[in-house]
Amino acid sequence: MSGPADEHRRVAAAFTERVRGTQDWDVPAPPEGWVARDVVRHLVEWFPPFLRGGSGVELPAGPSVDDDPVGAWQNLTDGVQAVLDDPATAGRTLRNEHIGELPLDRAIDQFYTSDVFMHTWDLARATGQDETLDAAKCQEMYDGMQAYDEVLRSSGQYGPRVPVPDDADPQTRLLAFIGRDPHAPSARPS
């Protein structure tokens, strides 16, 4: 089993591939009301303050998502990877009033890397790229979220669960759980 640094490297590489393959940053994207640029904006804007507030770690400032979504993403992912690769991270913690205290690398993995993983589908769906997510990770995340269904939904982070057949594959179940309609038509760049 890989550690948080390797997991981030793998998940971020898949997202980076979709970022670099995006031709139109203004196409509609899940969730409702977003465009492709907003998928990157979400990650670039929520995580640095979360990390700074909980651990004191300051990620390097990068370009604006409006001016350079590819550069903004690359700056963020390189900064996060540097934190995870830093041997000093093993002894650091992240404290947050909502989640308590966790080892820093585990907190990044649990909250940020998982978010990047799920938003990979959003960006791929918006831009007509490969939407395939790792089935084992989908199953692991789906299983882990079941006990927190009510809490997750009440947080406003996830939409209503979308009904899918009982025999749906792990990716379809995970997407439906977080409120994405895996059967909605995807955008196709022209």
N, C-alpha and C. Protein backbone atom coordinates (compact mmCIF):
# COMPACT_ATOMS: atom_id res chain seq x y z
N MET A 1 0.84 -1.17 0.00
CA MET A 1 0.00 0.00 0.00
C MET A 1 0.89 1.25 0.00
N SER A 2 0.53 2.22 -0.82
CA SER A 2 1.35 3.42 -0.91
C SER A 2 1.01 4.39 0.21
N GLY A 3 1.97 5.24 0.54
CA GLY A 3 1.75 6.25 1.56
C GLY A 3 1.14 7.50 0.94
N PRO A 4 0.84 8.50 1.78
CA PRO A 4 0.21 9.72 1.28
C PRO A 4 0.98 10.43 0.17
N ALA A 5 2.31 10.44 0.22
CA ALA A 5 3.09 11.12 -0.82
C ALA A 5 2.92 10.41 -2.16
N ASP A 6 3.03 9.09 -2.16
CA ASP A 6 2.86 8.33 -3.41
C ASP A 6 1.43 8.41 -3.92
N GLU A 7 0.47 8.37 -3.00
CA GLU A 7 -0.93 8.44 -3.41
C GLU A 7 -1.23 9.80 -4.05
N HIS A 8 -0.73 10.86 -3.44
CA HIS A 8 -0.93 12.19 -4.03
C HIS A 8 -0.27 12.27 -5.41
N ARG A 9 0.93 11.76 -5.53
CA ARG A 9 1.64 11.79 -6.81
C ARG A 9 0.80 11.11 -7.89
N ARG A 10 0.22 9.97 -7.56
CA ARG A 10 -0.58 9.20 -8.52
C ARG A 10 -1.88 9.92 -8.87
N VAL A 11 -2.61 10.37 -7.84
CA VAL A 11 -3.91 11.01 -8.05
C VAL A 11 -3.73 12.36 -8.75
N ALA A 12 -2.74 13.13 -8.32
CA ALA A 12 -2.49 14.44 -8.94
C ALA A 12 -2.05 14.29 -10.39
N ALA A 13 -1.31 13.23 -10.72
CA ALA A 13 -0.89 13.02 -12.11
C ALA A 13 -2.10 12.81 -13.01
N ALA A 14 -3.09 12.07 -12.53
CA ALA A 14 -4.30 11.84 -13.33
C ALA A 14 -5.07 13.15 -13.53
N PHE A 15 -5.15 13.96 -12.47
CA PHE A 15 -5.84 15.24 -12.59
C PHE A 15 -5.05 16.17 -13.52
N THR A 16 -3.74 16.18 -13.38
CA THR A 16 -2.89 17.02 -14.23
C THR A 16 -3.08 16.67 -15.70
N GLU A 17 -3.21 15.40 -15.99
CA GLU A 17 -3.44 14.97 -17.38
C GLU A 17 -4.74 15.60 -17.92
N ARG A 18 -5.79 15.63 -17.10
CA ARG A 18 -7.06 16.24 -17.52
C ARG A 18 -6.92 17.75 -17.64
N VAL A 19 -6.16 18.37 -16.71
CA VAL A 19 -5.93 19.82 -16.78
C VAL A 19 -5.22 20.16 -18.09
N ARG A 20 -4.17 19.43 -18.39
CA ARG A 20 -3.39 19.72 -19.61
C ARG A 20 -4.18 19.40 -20.88
N GLY A 21 -5.15 18.52 -20.78
CA GLY A 21 -5.97 18.17 -21.94
C GLY A 21 -7.19 19.05 -22.14
N THR A 22 -7.40 20.00 -21.24
CA THR A 22 -8.58 20.87 -21.34
C THR A 22 -8.35 21.93 -22.42
N GLN A 23 -9.29 21.98 -23.36
CA GLN A 23 -9.22 22.94 -24.47
C GLN A 23 -10.08 24.17 -24.21
N ASP A 24 -11.16 24.02 -23.44
CA ASP A 24 -12.08 25.12 -23.19
C ASP A 24 -12.39 25.16 -21.70
N TRP A 25 -11.92 26.22 -21.04
CA TRP A 25 -12.08 26.33 -19.60
C TRP A 25 -13.45 26.86 -19.19
N ASP A 26 -14.28 27.20 -20.14
CA ASP A 26 -15.58 27.78 -19.83
C ASP A 26 -16.76 26.84 -20.11
N VAL A 27 -16.49 25.56 -20.39
CA VAL A 27 -17.58 24.61 -20.61
C VAL A 27 -18.21 24.25 -19.27
N PRO A 28 -19.53 24.01 -19.24
CA PRO A 28 -20.19 23.62 -17.98
C PRO A 28 -19.56 22.36 -17.40
N ALA A 29 -19.50 22.33 -16.07
CA ALA A 29 -18.89 21.20 -15.36
C ALA A 29 -19.74 20.85 -14.15
N PRO A 30 -19.69 19.57 -13.75
CA PRO A 30 -20.27 19.26 -12.45
C PRO A 30 -19.37 19.89 -11.39
N PRO A 31 -19.90 20.33 -10.29
CA PRO A 31 -21.32 20.39 -9.95
C PRO A 31 -22.04 21.56 -10.64
N GLU A 32 -23.34 21.52 -10.53
CA GLU A 32 -24.23 22.50 -11.16
C GLU A 32 -23.74 23.93 -10.94
N GLY A 33 -23.68 24.69 -12.01
CA GLY A 33 -23.29 26.09 -11.92
C GLY A 33 -21.80 26.33 -12.10
N TRP A 34 -21.00 25.28 -12.17
CA TRP A 34 -19.56 25.43 -12.36
C TRP A 34 -19.21 25.31 -13.83
N VAL A 35 -18.04 25.83 -14.17
CA VAL A 35 -17.41 25.56 -15.47
C VAL A 35 -16.08 24.87 -15.17
N ALA A 36 -15.43 24.38 -16.21
CA ALA A 36 -14.18 23.61 -16.02
C ALA A 36 -13.17 24.38 -15.16
N ARG A 37 -13.03 25.66 -15.39
CA ARG A 37 -12.09 26.49 -14.63
C ARG A 37 -12.41 26.43 -13.12
N ASP A 38 -13.70 26.34 -12.78
CA ASP A 38 -14.10 26.32 -11.37
C ASP A 38 -13.66 25.04 -10.65
N VAL A 39 -13.50 23.97 -11.40
CA VAL A 39 -13.01 22.73 -10.77
C VAL A 39 -11.59 22.97 -10.24
N VAL A 40 -10.75 23.58 -11.07
CA VAL A 40 -9.39 23.90 -10.64
C VAL A 40 -9.44 24.98 -9.55
N ARG A 41 -10.28 26.00 -9.75
CA ARG A 41 -10.39 27.09 -8.78
C ARG A 41 -10.72 26.55 -7.39
N HIS A 42 -11.65 25.63 -7.33
CA HIS A 42 -12.06 25.05 -6.04
C HIS A 42 -10.84 24.49 -5.29
N LEU A 43 -10.05 23.68 -5.96
CA LEU A 43 -8.89 23.06 -5.31
C LEU A 43 -7.84 24.10 -4.93
N VAL A 44 -7.58 25.03 -5.83
CA VAL A 44 -6.55 26.05 -5.60
C VAL A 44 -6.96 27.01 -4.48
N GLU A 45 -8.25 27.24 -4.33
CA GLU A 45 -8.69 28.23 -3.34
C GLU A 45 -9.00 27.67 -1.97
N TRP A 46 -9.50 26.44 -1.85
CA TRP A 46 -9.86 25.96 -0.51
C TRP A 46 -8.69 25.35 0.24
N PHE A 47 -7.80 24.68 -0.47
CA PHE A 47 -6.81 23.91 0.27
C PHE A 47 -5.70 24.73 0.93
N PRO A 48 -5.09 25.71 0.26
CA PRO A 48 -4.01 26.45 0.94
C PRO A 48 -4.44 27.08 2.28
N PRO A 49 -5.62 27.74 2.38
CA PRO A 49 -6.00 28.28 3.70
C PRO A 49 -6.28 27.18 4.73
N PHE A 50 -6.83 26.06 4.29
CA PHE A 50 -7.08 24.93 5.19
C PHE A 50 -5.76 24.42 5.76
N LEU A 51 -4.77 24.26 4.89
CA LEU A 51 -3.46 23.77 5.30
C LEU A 51 -2.77 24.78 6.23
N ARG A 52 -2.77 26.03 5.85
CA ARG A 52 -2.14 27.09 6.65
C ARG A 52 -2.80 27.21 8.02
N GLY A 53 -4.13 27.22 8.03
CA GLY A 53 -4.86 27.38 9.29
C GLY A 53 -4.69 26.22 10.24
N GLY A 54 -4.52 25.02 9.71
CA GLY A 54 -4.44 23.84 10.57
C GLY A 54 -3.04 23.40 10.91
N SER A 55 -2.05 23.84 10.11
CA SER A 55 -0.69 23.35 10.34
C SER A 55 0.38 24.43 10.29
N GLY A 56 0.00 25.61 9.82
CA GLY A 56 0.99 26.67 9.66
C GLY A 56 1.82 26.54 8.40
N VAL A 57 1.56 25.52 7.58
CA VAL A 57 2.31 25.34 6.34
C VAL A 57 1.76 26.29 5.28
N GLU A 58 2.65 27.06 4.71
CA GLU A 58 2.30 28.04 3.67
C GLU A 58 2.76 27.51 2.32
N LEU A 59 1.81 27.30 1.41
CA LEU A 59 2.16 26.88 0.06
C LEU A 59 2.56 28.10 -0.76
N PRO A 60 3.45 27.93 -1.74
CA PRO A 60 3.86 29.06 -2.56
C PRO A 60 2.68 29.63 -3.36
N ALA A 61 2.64 30.95 -3.46
CA ALA A 61 1.60 31.60 -4.26
C ALA A 61 1.87 31.31 -5.74
N GLY A 62 0.80 31.17 -6.48
CA GLY A 62 0.93 30.89 -7.90
C GLY A 62 0.08 31.83 -8.72
N PRO A 63 0.00 31.58 -10.01
CA PRO A 63 -0.81 32.43 -10.87
C PRO A 63 -2.30 32.27 -10.56
N SER A 64 -3.06 33.24 -10.99
CA SER A 64 -4.50 33.21 -10.83
C SER A 64 -5.12 32.13 -11.73
N VAL A 65 -6.14 31.47 -11.23
CA VAL A 65 -6.86 30.48 -12.04
C VAL A 65 -7.50 31.16 -13.24
N ASP A 66 -7.92 32.41 -13.08
CA ASP A 66 -8.52 33.13 -14.21
C ASP A 66 -7.51 33.38 -15.31
N ASP A 67 -6.27 33.69 -14.95
CA ASP A 67 -5.24 33.99 -15.94
C ASP A 67 -4.57 32.74 -16.49
N ASP A 68 -4.37 31.74 -15.64
CA ASP A 68 -3.59 30.57 -16.03
C ASP A 68 -4.01 29.35 -15.21
N PRO A 69 -5.12 28.70 -15.58
CA PRO A 69 -5.57 27.56 -14.78
C PRO A 69 -4.55 26.41 -14.75
N VAL A 70 -3.85 26.20 -15.82
CA VAL A 70 -2.84 25.13 -15.85
C VAL A 70 -1.71 25.47 -14.89
N GLY A 71 -1.21 26.70 -14.95
CA GLY A 71 -0.13 27.12 -14.06
C GLY A 71 -0.56 27.15 -12.60
N ALA A 72 -1.80 27.59 -12.35
CA ALA A 72 -2.31 27.62 -10.97
C ALA A 72 -2.37 26.22 -10.40
N TRP A 73 -2.86 25.27 -11.20
CA TRP A 73 -2.92 23.89 -10.74
C TRP A 73 -1.52 23.33 -10.51
N GLN A 74 -0.62 23.53 -11.48
CA GLN A 74 0.73 22.97 -11.37
C GLN A 74 1.43 23.52 -10.14
N ASN A 75 1.26 24.79 -9.86
CA ASN A 75 1.86 25.40 -8.67
C ASN A 75 1.32 24.73 -7.40
N LEU A 76 0.01 24.53 -7.34
CA LEU A 76 -0.58 23.90 -6.16
C LEU A 76 -0.10 22.47 -6.00
N THR A 77 -0.17 21.68 -7.05
CA THR A 77 0.18 20.27 -6.92
C THR A 77 1.67 20.09 -6.60
N ASP A 78 2.52 20.95 -7.18
CA ASP A 78 3.96 20.87 -6.86
C ASP A 78 4.19 21.24 -5.39
N GLY A 79 3.47 22.25 -4.91
CA GLY A 79 3.63 22.67 -3.51
C GLY A 79 3.18 21.60 -2.53
N VAL A 80 2.04 20.97 -2.83
CA VAL A 80 1.54 19.91 -1.95
C VAL A 80 2.49 18.71 -1.98
N GLN A 81 2.98 18.37 -3.17
CA GLN A 81 3.91 17.24 -3.26
C GLN A 81 5.18 17.51 -2.48
N ALA A 82 5.67 18.75 -2.52
CA ALA A 82 6.87 19.09 -1.76
C ALA A 82 6.64 18.92 -0.26
N VAL A 83 5.46 19.30 0.20
CA VAL A 83 5.14 19.12 1.63
C VAL A 83 5.12 17.63 1.97
N LEU A 84 4.49 16.83 1.13
CA LEU A 84 4.39 15.40 1.40
C LEU A 84 5.74 14.69 1.30
N ASP A 85 6.61 15.19 0.42
CA ASP A 85 7.93 14.57 0.26
C ASP A 85 8.93 15.03 1.32
N ASP A 86 8.62 16.09 2.05
CA ASP A 86 9.51 16.64 3.06
C ASP A 86 9.55 15.69 4.27
N PRO A 87 10.72 15.18 4.66
CA PRO A 87 10.80 14.28 5.81
C PRO A 87 10.25 14.91 7.10
N ALA A 88 10.28 16.22 7.24
CA ALA A 88 9.77 16.89 8.44
C ALA A 88 8.26 16.76 8.58
N THR A 89 7.57 16.50 7.48
CA THR A 89 6.11 16.38 7.52
C THR A 89 5.67 15.22 8.40
N ALA A 90 6.47 14.19 8.48
CA ALA A 90 6.11 13.02 9.30
C ALA A 90 5.87 13.38 10.76
N GLY A 91 6.51 14.42 11.25
CA GLY A 91 6.34 14.81 12.64
C GLY A 91 5.35 15.95 12.86
N ARG A 92 4.67 16.36 11.81
CA ARG A 92 3.74 17.50 11.92
C ARG A 92 2.30 17.02 12.02
N THR A 93 1.46 17.88 12.58
CA THR A 93 0.03 17.58 12.67
C THR A 93 -0.78 18.72 12.07
N LEU A 94 -2.02 18.42 11.79
CA LEU A 94 -2.99 19.41 11.35
C LEU A 94 -4.10 19.41 12.38
N ARG A 95 -4.44 20.58 12.86
CA ARG A 95 -5.52 20.73 13.84
C ARG A 95 -6.63 21.54 13.21
N ASN A 96 -7.86 21.06 13.39
CA ASN A 96 -9.02 21.74 12.83
C ASN A 96 -10.19 21.50 13.77
N GLU A 97 -10.97 22.54 14.01
CA GLU A 97 -12.08 22.42 14.96
C GLU A 97 -13.11 21.38 14.54
N HIS A 98 -13.21 21.10 13.25
CA HIS A 98 -14.22 20.15 12.77
C HIS A 98 -13.72 18.70 12.73
N ILE A 99 -12.42 18.53 12.56
CA ILE A 99 -11.88 17.18 12.40
C ILE A 99 -10.93 16.75 13.51
N GLY A 100 -10.58 17.68 14.38
CA GLY A 100 -9.65 17.35 15.46
C GLY A 100 -8.21 17.46 15.00
N GLU A 101 -7.37 16.57 15.52
CA GLU A 101 -5.95 16.58 15.20
C GLU A 101 -5.57 15.30 14.48
N LEU A 102 -4.87 15.45 13.36
CA LEU A 102 -4.43 14.31 12.57
C LEU A 102 -2.98 14.53 12.15
N PRO A 103 -2.24 13.44 11.90
CA PRO A 103 -0.93 13.61 11.29
C PRO A 103 -1.11 14.38 9.97
N LEU A 104 -0.22 15.30 9.68
CA LEU A 104 -0.37 16.19 8.53
C LEU A 104 -0.50 15.42 7.22
N ASP A 105 0.35 14.42 7.00
CA ASP A 105 0.28 13.68 5.74
C ASP A 105 -1.05 12.94 5.60
N ARG A 106 -1.55 12.42 6.69
CA ARG A 106 -2.85 11.72 6.64
C ARG A 106 -4.00 12.69 6.37
N ALA A 107 -3.93 13.87 6.97
CA ALA A 107 -4.96 14.88 6.74
C ALA A 107 -4.98 15.31 5.28
N ILE A 108 -3.80 15.53 4.70
CA ILE A 108 -3.73 15.90 3.28
C ILE A 108 -4.34 14.79 2.43
N ASP A 109 -3.98 13.56 2.72
CA ASP A 109 -4.50 12.42 1.96
C ASP A 109 -6.02 12.32 2.09
N GLN A 110 -6.50 12.39 3.29
CA GLN A 110 -7.92 12.17 3.56
C GLN A 110 -8.80 13.28 2.99
N PHE A 111 -8.37 14.53 3.11
CA PHE A 111 -9.23 15.63 2.72
C PHE A 111 -8.90 16.21 1.35
N TYR A 112 -7.65 16.36 1.05
CA TYR A 112 -7.27 17.01 -0.20
C TYR A 112 -7.10 16.01 -1.35
N THR A 113 -6.27 15.00 -1.17
CA THR A 113 -6.03 14.06 -2.26
C THR A 113 -7.33 13.38 -2.68
N SER A 114 -8.18 13.06 -1.71
CA SER A 114 -9.48 12.47 -2.04
C SER A 114 -10.33 13.42 -2.86
N ASP A 115 -10.27 14.71 -2.54
CA ASP A 115 -11.02 15.71 -3.28
C ASP A 115 -10.50 15.81 -4.72
N VAL A 116 -9.18 15.81 -4.88
CA VAL A 116 -8.60 15.84 -6.23
C VAL A 116 -9.08 14.62 -7.01
N PHE A 117 -9.08 13.47 -6.36
CA PHE A 117 -9.52 12.24 -7.02
C PHE A 117 -10.95 12.38 -7.56
N MET A 118 -11.86 12.84 -6.72
CA MET A 118 -13.26 12.96 -7.15
C MET A 118 -13.43 14.03 -8.22
N HIS A 119 -12.70 15.13 -8.10
CA HIS A 119 -12.84 16.20 -9.08
C HIS A 119 -12.17 15.87 -10.42
N THR A 120 -11.37 14.81 -10.46
CA THR A 120 -10.83 14.35 -11.73
C THR A 120 -11.97 13.97 -12.66
N TRP A 121 -12.98 13.32 -12.12
CA TRP A 121 -14.14 12.95 -12.93
C TRP A 121 -14.87 14.20 -13.41
N ASP A 122 -15.04 15.19 -12.52
CA ASP A 122 -15.75 16.41 -12.90
C ASP A 122 -15.08 17.08 -14.09
N LEU A 123 -13.76 17.24 -14.02
CA LEU A 123 -13.05 17.91 -15.10
C LEU A 123 -13.09 17.08 -16.38
N ALA A 124 -12.93 15.77 -16.25
CA ALA A 124 -13.00 14.90 -17.42
C ALA A 124 -14.40 14.95 -18.04
N ARG A 125 -15.42 14.90 -17.22
CA ARG A 125 -16.80 14.94 -17.72
C ARG A 125 -17.07 16.25 -18.46
N ALA A 126 -16.60 17.36 -17.90
CA ALA A 126 -16.83 18.68 -18.50
C ALA A 126 -16.14 18.82 -19.84
N THR A 127 -14.97 18.23 -19.96
CA THR A 127 -14.12 18.49 -21.12
C THR A 127 -14.04 17.32 -22.10
N GLY A 128 -14.84 16.28 -21.88
CA GLY A 128 -14.89 15.17 -22.82
C GLY A 128 -13.65 14.29 -22.82
N GLN A 129 -12.96 14.24 -21.69
CA GLN A 129 -11.76 13.40 -21.59
C GLN A 129 -12.10 12.08 -20.89
N ASP A 130 -11.10 11.23 -20.75
CA ASP A 130 -11.27 9.94 -20.10
C ASP A 130 -11.77 10.13 -18.67
N GLU A 131 -12.93 9.56 -18.36
CA GLU A 131 -13.57 9.70 -17.04
C GLU A 131 -13.27 8.56 -16.10
N THR A 132 -12.47 7.62 -16.52
CA THR A 132 -12.21 6.43 -15.73
C THR A 132 -11.40 6.75 -14.48
N LEU A 133 -11.93 6.34 -13.33
CA LEU A 133 -11.24 6.47 -12.06
C LEU A 133 -10.81 5.09 -11.58
N ASP A 134 -9.82 5.03 -10.73
CA ASP A 134 -9.34 3.76 -10.18
C ASP A 134 -10.46 3.09 -9.39
N ALA A 135 -10.87 1.91 -9.81
CA ALA A 135 -12.02 1.22 -9.21
C ALA A 135 -11.79 0.88 -7.74
N ALA A 136 -10.58 0.46 -7.40
CA ALA A 136 -10.30 0.10 -6.00
C ALA A 136 -10.39 1.32 -5.10
N LYS A 137 -9.87 2.45 -5.55
CA LYS A 137 -9.95 3.67 -4.75
C LYS A 137 -11.41 4.13 -4.65
N CYS A 138 -12.17 4.01 -5.73
CA CYS A 138 -13.60 4.35 -5.68
C CYS A 138 -14.31 3.52 -4.61
N GLN A 139 -14.04 2.23 -4.60
CA GLN A 139 -14.68 1.34 -3.63
C GLN A 139 -14.26 1.70 -2.21
N GLU A 140 -12.97 1.94 -2.02
CA GLU A 140 -12.45 2.30 -0.69
C GLU A 140 -13.11 3.60 -0.19
N MET A 141 -13.20 4.59 -1.05
CA MET A 141 -13.81 5.86 -0.65
C MET A 141 -15.30 5.69 -0.39
N TYR A 142 -15.98 4.96 -1.25
CA TYR A 142 -17.41 4.73 -1.08
C TYR A 142 -17.68 4.03 0.25
N ASP A 143 -16.93 2.99 0.52
CA ASP A 143 -17.11 2.25 1.78
C ASP A 143 -16.85 3.15 2.98
N GLY A 144 -15.79 3.96 2.89
CA GLY A 144 -15.43 4.82 4.00
C GLY A 144 -16.42 5.94 4.26
N MET A 145 -17.15 6.37 3.24
CA MET A 145 -18.08 7.48 3.39
C MET A 145 -19.45 7.05 3.91
N GLN A 146 -19.77 5.80 3.83
CA GLN A 146 -21.11 5.34 4.20
C GLN A 146 -21.51 5.73 5.62
N ALA A 147 -20.60 5.59 6.53
CA ALA A 147 -20.91 5.89 7.94
C ALA A 147 -21.12 7.38 8.19
N TYR A 148 -20.67 8.21 7.24
CA TYR A 148 -20.76 9.66 7.41
C TYR A 148 -21.78 10.30 6.48
N ASP A 149 -22.67 9.50 5.94
CA ASP A 149 -23.64 9.98 4.95
C ASP A 149 -24.34 11.26 5.41
N GLU A 150 -24.95 11.22 6.56
CA GLU A 150 -25.72 12.37 7.04
C GLU A 150 -24.84 13.58 7.29
N VAL A 151 -23.68 13.37 7.88
CA VAL A 151 -22.76 14.47 8.16
C VAL A 151 -22.26 15.10 6.87
N LEU A 152 -21.89 14.27 5.90
CA LEU A 152 -21.39 14.78 4.63
C LEU A 152 -22.47 15.59 3.90
N ARG A 153 -23.67 15.06 3.88
CA ARG A 153 -24.75 15.75 3.19
C ARG A 153 -25.11 17.07 3.87
N SER A 154 -25.13 17.07 5.20
CA SER A 154 -25.50 18.28 5.93
C SER A 154 -24.41 19.35 5.84
N SER A 155 -23.19 18.97 5.45
CA SER A 155 -22.10 19.93 5.32
C SER A 155 -22.27 20.82 4.09
N GLY A 156 -23.12 20.38 3.16
CA GLY A 156 -23.30 21.13 1.93
C GLY A 156 -22.24 20.79 0.88
N GLN A 157 -21.32 19.90 1.22
CA GLN A 157 -20.26 19.53 0.28
C GLN A 157 -20.73 18.56 -0.80
N TYR A 158 -21.81 17.87 -0.52
CA TYR A 158 -22.31 16.86 -1.46
C TYR A 158 -23.78 17.09 -1.73
N GLY A 159 -24.19 16.81 -2.95
CA GLY A 159 -25.59 16.93 -3.30
C GLY A 159 -26.35 15.69 -2.88
N PRO A 160 -27.64 15.66 -3.19
CA PRO A 160 -28.43 14.46 -2.88
C PRO A 160 -27.87 13.25 -3.63
N ARG A 161 -27.97 12.12 -2.98
CA ARG A 161 -27.53 10.86 -3.59
C ARG A 161 -28.36 10.60 -4.86
N VAL A 162 -27.70 10.19 -5.93
CA VAL A 162 -28.36 9.88 -7.19
C VAL A 162 -28.63 8.38 -7.21
N PRO A 163 -29.86 7.96 -7.51
CA PRO A 163 -30.13 6.51 -7.52
C PRO A 163 -29.39 5.81 -8.67
N VAL A 164 -28.80 4.67 -8.34
CA VAL A 164 -28.16 3.80 -9.33
C VAL A 164 -28.51 2.36 -8.99
N PRO A 165 -28.41 1.46 -9.94
CA PRO A 165 -28.72 0.05 -9.66
C PRO A 165 -27.81 -0.53 -8.58
N ASP A 166 -28.31 -1.51 -7.84
CA ASP A 166 -27.55 -2.15 -6.77
C ASP A 166 -26.25 -2.78 -7.27
N ASP A 167 -26.24 -3.20 -8.53
CA ASP A 167 -25.05 -3.85 -9.07
C ASP A 167 -24.14 -2.88 -9.83
N ALA A 168 -24.29 -1.59 -9.60
CA ALA A 168 -23.46 -0.59 -10.27
C ALA A 168 -21.99 -0.77 -9.88
N ASP A 169 -21.10 -0.41 -10.78
CA ASP A 169 -19.67 -0.53 -10.51
C ASP A 169 -19.25 0.49 -9.45
N PRO A 170 -18.06 0.31 -8.85
CA PRO A 170 -17.63 1.19 -7.77
C PRO A 170 -17.59 2.67 -8.15
N GLN A 171 -17.14 2.99 -9.35
CA GLN A 171 -17.08 4.40 -9.75
C GLN A 171 -18.48 5.01 -9.81
N THR A 172 -19.42 4.30 -10.39
CA THR A 172 -20.79 4.79 -10.49
C THR A 172 -21.39 4.98 -9.11
N ARG A 173 -21.15 4.03 -8.19
CA ARG A 173 -21.69 4.15 -6.83
C ARG A 173 -21.10 5.36 -6.10
N LEU A 174 -19.77 5.56 -6.22
CA LEU A 174 -19.13 6.69 -5.56
C LEU A 174 -19.68 8.01 -6.11
N LEU A 175 -19.72 8.14 -7.42
CA LEU A 175 -20.21 9.38 -8.03
C LEU A 175 -21.64 9.66 -7.61
N ALA A 176 -22.48 8.64 -7.64
CA ALA A 176 -23.87 8.82 -7.24
C ALA A 176 -23.98 9.20 -5.77
N PHE A 177 -23.13 8.62 -4.95
CA PHE A 177 -23.14 8.93 -3.52
C PHE A 177 -22.84 10.41 -3.27
N ILE A 178 -21.88 10.97 -4.01
CA ILE A 178 -21.51 12.37 -3.78
C ILE A 178 -22.42 13.34 -4.53
N GLY A 179 -23.44 12.81 -5.20
CA GLY A 179 -24.42 13.68 -5.83
C GLY A 179 -24.17 13.96 -7.30
N ARG A 180 -23.28 13.21 -7.93
CA ARG A 180 -23.05 13.38 -9.37
C ARG A 180 -23.93 12.37 -10.10
N ASP A 181 -24.43 12.77 -11.25
CA ASP A 181 -25.21 11.86 -12.09
C ASP A 181 -24.26 11.24 -13.11
N PRO A 182 -23.83 10.00 -12.87
CA PRO A 182 -22.86 9.39 -13.76
C PRO A 182 -23.41 9.09 -15.14
N HIS A 183 -24.74 9.24 -15.30
CA HIS A 183 -25.36 8.96 -16.60
C HIS A 183 -25.72 10.21 -17.36
N ALA A 184 -25.46 11.39 -16.77
CA ALA A 184 -25.74 12.64 -17.48
C ALA A 184 -24.78 12.72 -18.67
N PRO A 185 -25.22 13.36 -19.75
CA PRO A 185 -24.33 13.46 -20.91
C PRO A 185 -23.08 14.28 -20.59
N SER A 186 -21.98 13.87 -21.19
CA SER A 186 -20.75 14.62 -20.96
C SER A 186 -20.56 15.62 -22.10
N ALA A 187 -19.79 16.65 -21.81
CA ALA A 187 -19.48 17.65 -22.82
C ALA A 187 -18.46 17.07 -23.78
N ARG A 188 -18.53 17.47 -25.00
CA ARG A 188 -17.55 17.05 -26.00
C ARG A 188 -16.96 18.31 -26.62
N PRO A 189 -15.66 18.51 -26.46
CA PRO A 189 -15.07 19.70 -27.07
C PRO A 189 -15.24 19.68 -28.57
N SER A 190 -15.43 20.87 -29.13
CA SER A 190 -15.59 20.92 -30.60
C SER A 190 -14.27 21.04 -31.31
